Amino acid sequence: MLAIVQEVLALESQLVNFRSDLNYCSIFYRQGGLKSNSPPIVFLHGWGISTEPYQELLKLLADRHTSIAPDLPSFARSSYSKLIPDYESYAKFLLAFLDALNLQQIHLVGHSFGGGIAIALAALAPDKVSSIVLLDSTGIPAESLLGVVPRRAIEMTAQLFLPKLKLKLVDIPQVFSYNLLFNTGNLIQTLLLSLRADLKPLLPKIKAPCLLLWSEKDLTVPLTAAREMAATIPDSQLVTVEEGCHEWGLWYPEKLTSIMLDFIDRVERTEK
């Protein structure tokens, strides 16, 4: 009997590919996890890539929760031919996606550019968001492109010495190259949004409990941005880790999921 239960749990935590056809675009997404009465975790990936590099992280989340991870509109398999102008437009795409899946409540997680979308979505539809986790999120404008580029170069070099060589040298470059070739306009547009868009006016509108989870070594979106967000989002807490750089969760998914799931569990216990 124990072996059968373990096999069922293993199957439930596997990620299955789906597609949701909206009126104006198709959203590719991965879903896994045990069916429960708890709101699912919806994970929004970072700039330039897709859900592909996050598979280990998503499988760990699916061990404990129903988890849904879409390729953002116009990235990878979520095709969309027009230019998407701002974070709010991305948030409206995601709201239509959530409605298509008949999701009334979610735990929202966003990494980097996905964090900026999560901020916009939580401010636009606060009743849908039970909690929000911002992982090294965009939303506070960078001082300049010239300032970010050398810091990013240092960070990417440093990350070569971190675990998971295939992820760095194959998986991420492969999906980024695809987006660069087939999604050039929105790749550039989202880079500009990541650097320039000011989401500070939206931060006080976030009503859900918020965890800001940051690497102390993040050079792309420095810790000063996290502190500014934490000071403005009403019900928020900032947790920092020593592990490496802006994409630290990809290299250390066990630590990331442990912190996130502890936070989500506390929120759900409080709501009961």
C-alpha atoms as a PDB file:
ATOM      1  CA  MET A   1       0.000   0.000   0.000  1.00  0.00           C
ATOM      2  CA  LEU A   2       2.827   2.420   0.877  1.00  0.00           C
ATOM      3  CA  ALA A   3       4.463   1.804  -2.515  1.00  0.00           C
ATOM      4  CA  ILE A   4       1.166   2.554  -4.300  1.00  0.00           C
ATOM      5  CA  VAL A   5       0.733   5.821  -2.371  1.00  0.00           C
ATOM      6  CA  GLN A   6       4.320   6.852  -3.160  1.00  0.00           C
ATOM      7  CA  GLU A   7       3.775   6.093  -6.849  1.00  0.00           C
ATOM      8  CA  VAL A   8       0.572   8.162  -6.946  1.00  0.00           C
ATOM      9  CA  LEU A   9       2.311  11.091  -5.244  1.00  0.00           C
ATOM     10  CA  ALA A  10       5.211  10.891  -7.709  1.00  0.00           C
ATOM     11  CA  LEU A  11       2.817  10.948 -10.664  1.00  0.00           C
ATOM     12  CA  GLU A  12       0.861  13.887  -9.230  1.00  0.00           C
ATOM     13  CA  SER A  13       4.026  15.971  -8.795  1.00  0.00           C
ATOM     14  CA  GLN A  14       5.057  15.502 -12.424  1.00  0.00           C
ATOM     15  CA  LEU A  15       4.564  18.506 -14.676  1.00  0.00           C
ATOM     16  CA  VAL A  16       2.094  18.120 -17.523  1.00  0.00           C
ATOM     17  CA  ASN A  17       1.997  20.431 -20.527  1.00  0.00           C
ATOM     18  CA  PHE A  18      -1.219  22.243 -21.422  1.00  0.00           C
ATOM     19  CA  ARG A  19      -2.360  25.068 -23.670  1.00  0.00           C
ATOM     20  CA  SER A  20      -5.120  27.605 -23.025  1.00  0.00           C
ATOM     21  CA  ASP A  21      -6.523  29.335 -26.117  1.00  0.00           C
ATOM     22  CA  LEU A  22      -7.667  32.856 -25.313  1.00  0.00           C
ATOM     23  CA  ASN A  23      -9.386  35.188 -27.766  1.00  0.00           C
ATOM     24  CA  TYR A  24      -6.162  36.941 -28.691  1.00  0.00           C
ATOM     25  CA  CYS A  25      -3.372  34.451 -27.946  1.00  0.00           C
ATOM     26  CA  SER A  26      -2.559  30.948 -26.742  1.00  0.00           C
ATOM     27  CA  ILE A  27      -0.874  30.425 -23.374  1.00  0.00           C
ATOM     28  CA  PHE A  28       1.330  27.358 -22.935  1.00  0.00           C
ATOM     29  CA  TYR A  29       1.654  26.247 -19.318  1.00  0.00           C
ATOM     30  CA  ARG A  30       2.891  23.451 -17.087  1.00  0.00           C
ATOM     31  CA  GLN A  31       0.822  22.087 -14.239  1.00  0.00           C
ATOM     32  CA  GLY A  32       1.475  19.542 -11.530  1.00  0.00           C
ATOM     33  CA  GLY A  33       0.675  18.710  -7.934  1.00  0.00           C
ATOM     34  CA  LEU A  34      -1.926  17.130  -5.723  1.00  0.00           C
ATOM     35  CA  LYS A  35      -5.528  18.250  -6.018  1.00  0.00           C
ATOM     36  CA  SER A  36      -6.566  20.166  -2.900  1.00  0.00           C
ATOM     37  CA  ASN A  37      -8.847  22.901  -1.636  1.00  0.00           C
ATOM     38  CA  SER A  38      -5.894  25.272  -1.280  1.00  0.00           C
ATOM     39  CA  PRO A  39      -5.349  27.939  -3.955  1.00  0.00           C
ATOM     40  CA  PRO A  40      -2.766  26.830  -6.533  1.00  0.00           C
ATOM     41  CA  ILE A  41       0.633  28.446  -6.855  1.00  0.00           C
ATOM     42  CA  VAL A  42       0.966  30.393 -10.114  1.00  0.00           C
ATOM     43  CA  PHE A  43       4.634  30.957 -11.014  1.00  0.00           C
ATOM     44  CA  LEU A  44       5.721  33.707 -13.448  1.00  0.00           C
ATOM     45  CA  HIS A  45       9.185  33.306 -14.972  1.00  0.00           C
ATOM     46  CA  GLY A  46      11.884  35.906 -15.499  1.00  0.00           C
ATOM     47  CA  TRP A  47      12.977  38.019 -18.457  1.00  0.00           C
ATOM     48  CA  GLY A  48      14.053  36.486 -21.733  1.00  0.00           C
ATOM     49  CA  ILE A  49      13.355  32.834 -20.990  1.00  0.00           C
ATOM     50  CA  SER A  50      10.328  30.615 -20.216  1.00  0.00           C
ATOM     51  CA  THR A  51       9.210  27.974 -17.727  1.00  0.00           C
ATOM     52  CA  GLU A  52      11.792  25.538 -19.163  1.00  0.00           C
ATOM     53  CA  PRO A  53      14.783  26.383 -16.905  1.00  0.00           C
ATOM     54  CA  TYR A  54      12.558  26.316 -13.789  1.00  0.00           C
ATOM     55  CA  GLN A  55      11.474  22.680 -14.083  1.00  0.00           C
ATOM     56  CA  GLU A  56      13.353  21.433 -11.001  1.00  0.00           C
ATOM     57  CA  LEU A  57      11.901  24.265  -8.924  1.00  0.00           C
ATOM     58  CA  LEU A  58       8.391  23.671 -10.272  1.00  0.00           C
ATOM     59  CA  LYS A  59       8.551  19.941  -9.513  1.00  0.00           C
ATOM     60  CA  LEU A  60       9.534  20.716  -5.916  1.00  0.00           C
ATOM     61  CA  LEU A  61       6.576  23.090  -5.599  1.00  0.00           C
ATOM     62  CA  ALA A  62       4.281  20.437  -7.092  1.00  0.00           C
ATOM     63  CA  ASP A  63       5.324  17.981  -4.365  1.00  0.00           C
ATOM     64  CA  ARG A  64       3.294  20.081  -1.930  1.00  0.00           C
ATOM     65  CA  HIS A  65       0.850  22.227  -3.936  1.00  0.00           C
ATOM     66  CA  THR A  66      -0.981  22.372  -7.216  1.00  0.00           C
ATOM     67  CA  SER A  67       1.396  24.520  -9.279  1.00  0.00           C
ATOM     68  CA  ILE A  68       0.795  26.271 -12.593  1.00  0.00           C
ATOM     69  CA  ALA A  69       3.547  27.954 -14.605  1.00  0.00           C
ATOM     70  CA  PRO A  70       2.715  29.704 -17.893  1.00  0.00           C
ATOM     71  CA  ASP A  71       5.147  30.829 -20.536  1.00  0.00           C
ATOM     72  CA  LEU A  72       4.441  34.561 -20.475  1.00  0.00           C
ATOM     73  CA  PRO A  73       2.570  35.905 -23.522  1.00  0.00           C
ATOM     74  CA  SER A  74       4.874  36.256 -26.559  1.00  0.00           C
ATOM     75  CA  PHE A  75       7.631  34.139 -24.954  1.00  0.00           C
ATOM     76  CA  ALA A  76       8.594  30.629 -26.071  1.00  0.00           C
ATOM     77  CA  ARG A  77       5.430  28.605 -26.756  1.00  0.00           C
ATOM     78  CA  SER A  78       2.926  31.343 -25.788  1.00  0.00           C
ATOM     79  CA  SER A  79       2.858  32.970 -29.172  1.00  0.00           C
ATOM     80  CA  TYR A  80       1.706  36.565 -29.648  1.00  0.00           C
ATOM     81  CA  SER A  81       2.720  38.698 -32.601  1.00  0.00           C
ATOM     82  CA  LYS A  82       2.037  42.235 -31.310  1.00  0.00           C
ATOM     83  CA  LEU A  83       4.154  44.397 -29.033  1.00  0.00           C
ATOM     84  CA  ILE A  84       2.999  44.339 -25.399  1.00  0.00           C
ATOM     85  CA  PRO A  85       3.504  47.866 -24.040  1.00  0.00           C
ATOM     86  CA  ASP A  86       3.574  47.586 -20.224  1.00  0.00           C
ATOM     87  CA  TYR A  87       3.272  45.468 -17.091  1.00  0.00           C
ATOM     88  CA  GLU A  88      -0.456  46.152 -16.814  1.00  0.00           C
ATOM     89  CA  SER A  89      -1.061  44.640 -20.259  1.00  0.00           C
ATOM     90  CA  TYR A  90       0.837  41.491 -19.228  1.00  0.00           C
ATOM     91  CA  ALA A  91      -1.235  41.370 -16.027  1.00  0.00           C
ATOM     92  CA  LYS A  92      -4.464  41.557 -18.047  1.00  0.00           C
ATOM     93  CA  PHE A  93      -3.296  38.645 -20.210  1.00  0.00           C
ATOM     94  CA  LEU A  94      -2.664  36.645 -17.040  1.00  0.00           C
ATOM     95  CA  LEU A  95      -6.054  37.566 -15.582  1.00  0.00           C
ATOM     96  CA  ALA A  96      -7.748  36.291 -18.734  1.00  0.00           C
ATOM     97  CA  PHE A  97      -5.662  33.118 -18.419  1.00  0.00           C
ATOM     98  CA  LEU A  98      -6.739  32.652 -14.777  1.00  0.00           C
ATOM     99  CA  ASP A  99     -10.376  33.184 -15.748  1.00  0.00           C
ATOM    100  CA  ALA A 100     -10.048  30.596 -18.524  1.00  0.00           C
ATOM    101  CA  LEU A 101      -8.813  28.088 -15.921  1.00  0.00           C
ATOM    102  CA  ASN A 102     -11.604  29.180 -13.547  1.00  0.00           C
ATOM    103  CA  LEU A 103      -9.117  30.066 -10.801  1.00  0.00           C
ATOM    104  CA  GLN A 104     -10.754  32.292  -8.196  1.00  0.00           C
ATOM    105  CA  GLN A 105      -7.817  32.442  -5.761  1.00  0.00           C
ATOM    106  CA  ILE A 106      -4.087  31.907  -6.249  1.00  0.00           C
ATOM    107  CA  HIS A 107      -0.758  32.135  -4.481  1.00  0.00           C
ATOM    108  CA  LEU A 108       1.251  34.303  -6.878  1.00  0.00           C
ATOM    109  CA  VAL A 109       5.021  33.974  -7.343  1.00  0.00           C
ATOM    110  CA  GLY A 110       7.061  36.100  -9.741  1.00  0.00           C
ATOM    111  CA  HIS A 111      10.791  36.076 -10.463  1.00  0.00           C
ATOM    112  CA  SER A 112      12.523  39.162 -11.885  1.00  0.00           C
ATOM    113  CA  PHE A 113      10.345  40.448 -14.775  1.00  0.00           C
ATOM    114  CA  GLY A 114       7.668  37.982 -13.670  1.00  0.00           C
ATOM    115  CA  GLY A 115       7.744  39.740 -10.295  1.00  0.00           C
ATOM    116  CA  GLY A 116       6.888  43.035 -11.975  1.00  0.00           C
ATOM    117  CA  ILE A 117       3.893  41.375 -13.619  1.00  0.00           C
ATOM    118  CA  ALA A 118       2.911  39.868 -10.256  1.00  0.00           C
ATOM    119  CA  ILE A 119       2.917  43.357  -8.702  1.00  0.00           C
ATOM    120  CA  ALA A 120       0.662  44.682 -11.470  1.00  0.00           C
ATOM    121  CA  LEU A 121      -1.673  41.678 -11.242  1.00  0.00           C
ATOM    122  CA  ALA A 122      -1.949  41.853  -7.434  1.00  0.00           C
ATOM    123  CA  ALA A 123      -2.745  45.573  -7.625  1.00  0.00           C
ATOM    124  CA  LEU A 124      -5.224  45.110 -10.483  1.00  0.00           C
ATOM    125  CA  ALA A 125      -7.109  42.141  -8.966  1.00  0.00           C
ATOM    126  CA  PRO A 126      -6.405  42.019  -5.204  1.00  0.00           C
ATOM    127  CA  ASP A 127      -9.346  39.690  -4.531  1.00  0.00           C
ATOM    128  CA  LYS A 128      -7.704  36.920  -6.582  1.00  0.00           C
ATOM    129  CA  VAL A 129      -4.361  36.897  -4.762  1.00  0.00           C
ATOM    130  CA  SER A 130      -4.100  35.039  -1.443  1.00  0.00           C
ATOM    131  CA  SER A 131      -0.381  35.723  -1.129  1.00  0.00           C
ATOM    132  CA  ILE A 132       2.426  37.061  -3.284  1.00  0.00           C
ATOM    133  CA  VAL A 133       6.122  36.155  -3.389  1.00  0.00           C
ATOM    134  CA  LEU A 134       8.475  38.516  -5.216  1.00  0.00           C
ATOM    135  CA  LEU A 135      11.818  36.915  -6.111  1.00  0.00           C
ATOM    136  CA  ASP A 136      14.473  39.505  -6.960  1.00  0.00           C
ATOM    137  CA  SER A 137      11.674  41.402  -8.682  1.00  0.00           C
ATOM    138  CA  THR A 138      11.782  44.287 -11.108  1.00  0.00           C
ATOM    139  CA  GLY A 139       9.594  47.352 -10.511  1.00  0.00           C
ATOM    140  CA  ILE A 140      12.035  49.934  -9.147  1.00  0.00           C
ATOM    141  CA  PRO A 141      13.733  51.757 -12.058  1.00  0.00           C
ATOM    142  CA  ALA A 142      17.451  51.170 -12.531  1.00  0.00           C
ATOM    143  CA  GLU A 143      19.726  54.202 -12.488  1.00  0.00           C
ATOM    144  CA  SER A 144      20.808  53.634 -16.112  1.00  0.00           C
ATOM    145  CA  LEU A 145      21.416  50.911 -18.690  1.00  0.00           C
ATOM    146  CA  LEU A 146      25.119  51.751 -18.619  1.00  0.00           C
ATOM    147  CA  GLY A 147      25.128  51.106 -14.894  1.00  0.00           C
ATOM    148  CA  VAL A 148      23.333  47.753 -15.134  1.00  0.00           C
ATOM    149  CA  VAL A 149      25.322  46.200 -18.010  1.00  0.00           C
ATOM    150  CA  PRO A 150      28.718  45.933 -16.254  1.00  0.00           C
ATOM    151  CA  ARG A 151      27.090  44.664 -13.042  1.00  0.00           C
ATOM    152  CA  ARG A 152      25.180  42.067 -15.052  1.00  0.00           C
ATOM    153  CA  ALA A 153      28.374  40.981 -16.810  1.00  0.00           C
ATOM    154  CA  ILE A 154      30.102  40.494 -13.439  1.00  0.00           C
ATOM    155  CA  GLU A 155      27.121  38.550 -12.132  1.00  0.00           C
ATOM    156  CA  MET A 156      26.855  36.234 -15.131  1.00  0.00           C
ATOM    157  CA  THR A 157      30.581  35.488 -14.899  1.00  0.00           C
ATOM    158  CA  ALA A 158      30.250  34.714 -11.179  1.00  0.00           C
ATOM    159  CA  GLN A 159      27.320  32.367 -11.867  1.00  0.00           C
ATOM    160  CA  LEU A 160      29.526  30.184 -14.056  1.00  0.00           C
ATOM    161  CA  PHE A 161      31.070  28.896 -10.817  1.00  0.00           C
ATOM    162  CA  LEU A 162      27.709  27.924  -9.305  1.00  0.00           C
ATOM    163  CA  PRO A 163      26.045  24.461  -9.603  1.00  0.00           C
ATOM    164  CA  LYS A 164      24.059  23.052 -12.555  1.00  0.00           C
ATOM    165  CA  LEU A 165      26.359  23.580 -15.539  1.00  0.00           C
ATOM    166  CA  LYS A 166      23.864  22.244 -18.104  1.00  0.00           C
ATOM    167  CA  LEU A 167      21.254  24.754 -16.938  1.00  0.00           C
ATOM    168  CA  LYS A 168      23.676  27.647 -17.483  1.00  0.00           C
ATOM    169  CA  LEU A 169      25.349  26.512 -20.692  1.00  0.00           C
ATOM    170  CA  VAL A 170      22.484  24.732 -22.488  1.00  0.00           C
ATOM    171  CA  ASP A 171      18.975  25.189 -21.092  1.00  0.00           C
ATOM    172  CA  ILE A 172      18.940  28.962 -20.506  1.00  0.00           C
ATOM    173  CA  PRO A 173      20.912  29.925 -23.670  1.00  0.00           C
ATOM    174  CA  GLN A 174      18.678  27.674 -25.783  1.00  0.00           C
ATOM    175  CA  VAL A 175      15.371  29.269 -24.748  1.00  0.00           C
ATOM    176  CA  PHE A 176      16.870  32.779 -24.722  1.00  0.00           C
ATOM    177  CA  SER A 177      18.160  32.291 -28.279  1.00  0.00           C
ATOM    178  CA  TYR A 178      14.686  31.172 -29.380  1.00  0.00           C
ATOM    179  CA  ASN A 179      13.100  34.294 -27.907  1.00  0.00           C
ATOM    180  CA  LEU A 180      15.803  36.481 -29.409  1.00  0.00           C
ATOM    181  CA  LEU A 181      15.122  35.079 -32.887  1.00  0.00           C
ATOM    182  CA  PHE A 182      11.329  34.797 -32.776  1.00  0.00           C
ATOM    183  CA  ASN A 183      10.298  37.350 -30.155  1.00  0.00           C
ATOM    184  CA  THR A 184      12.824  40.118 -30.744  1.00  0.00           C
ATOM    185  CA  GLY A 185      10.410  43.041 -30.328  1.00  0.00           C
ATOM    186  CA  ASN A 186       8.965  41.981 -26.993  1.00  0.00           C
ATOM    187  CA  LEU A 187      12.349  40.779 -25.752  1.00  0.00           C
ATOM    188  CA  ILE A 188      13.696  44.317 -26.176  1.00  0.00           C
ATOM    189  CA  GLN A 189      10.457  45.867 -24.899  1.00  0.00           C
ATOM    190  CA  THR A 190      10.474  43.796 -21.709  1.00  0.00           C
ATOM    191  CA  LEU A 191      14.140  44.623 -21.113  1.00  0.00           C
ATOM    192  CA  LEU A 192      13.259  48.328 -21.250  1.00  0.00           C
ATOM    193  CA  LEU A 193      10.308  47.747 -18.925  1.00  0.00           C
ATOM    194  CA  SER A 194      12.555  45.888 -16.481  1.00  0.00           C
ATOM    195  CA  LEU A 195      14.988  48.814 -16.412  1.00  0.00           C
ATOM    196  CA  ARG A 196      12.669  51.812 -16.651  1.00  0.00           C
ATOM    197  CA  ALA A 197       9.130  51.004 -15.523  1.00  0.00           C
ATOM    198  CA  ASP A 198       8.254  52.480 -12.128  1.00  0.00           C
ATOM    199  CA  LEU A 199       5.769  50.294 -10.244  1.00  0.00           C
ATOM    200  CA  LYS A 200       6.115  52.165  -6.946  1.00  0.00           C
ATOM    201  CA  PRO A 201       2.583  53.670  -7.214  1.00  0.00           C
ATOM    202  CA  LEU A 202       1.172  50.105  -7.368  1.00  0.00           C
ATOM    203  CA  LEU A 203       2.968  48.782  -4.277  1.00  0.00           C
ATOM    204  CA  PRO A 204       0.535  50.229  -1.669  1.00  0.00           C
ATOM    205  CA  LYS A 205      -2.339  48.592  -3.602  1.00  0.00           C
ATOM    206  CA  ILE A 206      -1.052  45.081  -2.849  1.00  0.00           C
ATOM    207  CA  LYS A 207      -3.410  43.784  -0.154  1.00  0.00           C
ATOM    208  CA  ALA A 208      -2.212  40.178   0.119  1.00  0.00           C
ATOM    209  CA  PRO A 209       0.584  39.112   2.502  1.00  0.00           C
ATOM    210  CA  CYS A 210       3.830  39.578   0.588  1.00  0.00           C
ATOM    211  CA  LEU A 211       7.200  37.869   0.891  1.00  0.00           C
ATOM    212  CA  LEU A 212      10.145  39.603  -0.773  1.00  0.00           C
ATOM    213  CA  LEU A 213      12.849  36.988  -1.240  1.00  0.00           C
ATOM    214  CA  TRP A 214      16.225  38.311  -2.389  1.00  0.00           C
ATOM    215  CA  SER A 215      19.847  37.342  -2.821  1.00  0.00           C
ATOM    216  CA  GLU A 216      22.228  39.621  -0.944  1.00  0.00           C
ATOM    217  CA  LYS A 217      24.569  39.276  -3.953  1.00  0.00           C
ATOM    218  CA  ASP A 218      21.995  40.324  -6.584  1.00  0.00           C
ATOM    219  CA  LEU A 219      23.706  42.881  -8.826  1.00  0.00           C
ATOM    220  CA  THR A 220      20.927  43.040 -11.441  1.00  0.00           C
ATOM    221  CA  VAL A 221      18.196  44.192  -9.034  1.00  0.00           C
ATOM    222  CA  PRO A 222      20.125  45.207  -5.900  1.00  0.00           C
ATOM    223  CA  LEU A 223      18.892  44.725  -2.345  1.00  0.00           C
ATOM    224  CA  THR A 224      18.157  48.469  -2.105  1.00  0.00           C
ATOM    225  CA  ALA A 225      15.183  47.884  -4.458  1.00  0.00           C
ATOM    226  CA  ALA A 226      13.862  45.111  -2.189  1.00  0.00           C
ATOM    227  CA  ARG A 227      14.122  47.372   0.867  1.00  0.00           C
ATOM    228  CA  GLU A 228      12.222  50.137  -0.941  1.00  0.00           C
ATOM    229  CA  MET A 229       9.471  47.688  -1.925  1.00  0.00           C
ATOM    230  CA  ALA A 230       9.262  46.255   1.599  1.00  0.00           C
ATOM    231  CA  ALA A 231       8.870  49.751   3.043  1.00  0.00           C
ATOM    232  CA  THR A 232       5.915  50.463   0.712  1.00  0.00           C
ATOM    233  CA  ILE A 233       3.957  47.180   0.467  1.00  0.00           C
ATOM    234  CA  PRO A 234       1.602  47.142   3.487  1.00  0.00           C
ATOM    235  CA  ASP A 235       1.783  43.515   4.724  1.00  0.00           C
ATOM    236  CA  SER A 236       5.253  42.498   3.641  1.00  0.00           C
ATOM    237  CA  GLN A 237       8.439  40.921   4.929  1.00  0.00           C
ATOM    238  CA  LEU A 238      11.895  40.813   3.389  1.00  0.00           C
ATOM    239  CA  VAL A 239      13.997  37.646   3.602  1.00  0.00           C
ATOM    240  CA  THR A 240      17.516  37.574   2.180  1.00  0.00           C
ATOM    241  CA  VAL A 241      19.808  34.670   1.332  1.00  0.00           C
ATOM    242  CA  GLU A 242      23.562  34.520   0.904  1.00  0.00           C
ATOM    243  CA  GLU A 243      23.388  32.281  -2.169  1.00  0.00           C
ATOM    244  CA  GLY A 244      24.359  33.528  -5.546  1.00  0.00           C
ATOM    245  CA  CYS A 245      23.057  36.392  -7.552  1.00  0.00           C
ATOM    246  CA  HIS A 246      19.882  37.331  -9.425  1.00  0.00           C
ATOM    247  CA  GLU A 247      18.923  33.804 -10.554  1.00  0.00           C
ATOM    248  CA  TRP A 248      19.885  32.146  -7.265  1.00  0.00           C
ATOM    249  CA  GLY A 249      16.634  30.151  -7.098  1.00  0.00           C
ATOM    250  CA  LEU A 250      17.585  28.219 -10.229  1.00  0.00           C
ATOM    251  CA  TRP A 251      20.843  27.067  -8.656  1.00  0.00           C
ATOM    252  CA  TYR A 252      19.381  26.410  -5.196  1.00  0.00           C
ATOM    253  CA  PRO A 253      15.751  25.365  -5.783  1.00  0.00           C
ATOM    254  CA  GLU A 254      15.462  23.341  -2.566  1.00  0.00           C
ATOM    255  CA  LYS A 255      16.220  26.373  -0.391  1.00  0.00           C
ATOM    256  CA  LEU A 256      13.912  28.608  -2.422  1.00  0.00           C
ATOM    257  CA  THR A 257      10.939  26.241  -2.288  1.00  0.00           C
ATOM    258  CA  SER A 258      11.433  25.610   1.440  1.00  0.00           C
ATOM    259  CA  ILE A 259      11.233  29.341   2.247  1.00  0.00           C
ATOM    260  CA  MET A 260       8.320  29.980  -0.134  1.00  0.00           C
ATOM    261  CA  LEU A 261       6.234  27.037   1.029  1.00  0.00           C
ATOM    262  CA  ASP A 262       6.778  27.886   4.694  1.00  0.00           C
ATOM    263  CA  PHE A 263       5.447  31.382   3.963  1.00  0.00           C
ATOM    264  CA  ILE A 264       2.440  30.068   2.009  1.00  0.00           C
ATOM    265  CA  ASP A 265       1.670  27.555   4.770  1.00  0.00           C
ATOM    266  CA  ARG A 266       1.684  30.358   7.371  1.00  0.00           C
ATOM    267  CA  VAL A 267      -0.673  32.445   5.221  1.00  0.00           C
ATOM    268  CA  GLU A 268      -3.077  29.535   4.830  1.00  0.00           C
ATOM    269  CA  ARG A 269      -3.055  28.761   8.557  1.00  0.00           C
ATOM    270  CA  THR A 270      -3.829  32.405   9.326  1.00  0.00           C
ATOM    271  CA  GLU A 271      -6.740  32.441   6.882  1.00  0.00           C
ATOM    272  CA  LYS A 272      -8.442  29.373   8.431  1.00  0.00           C
END
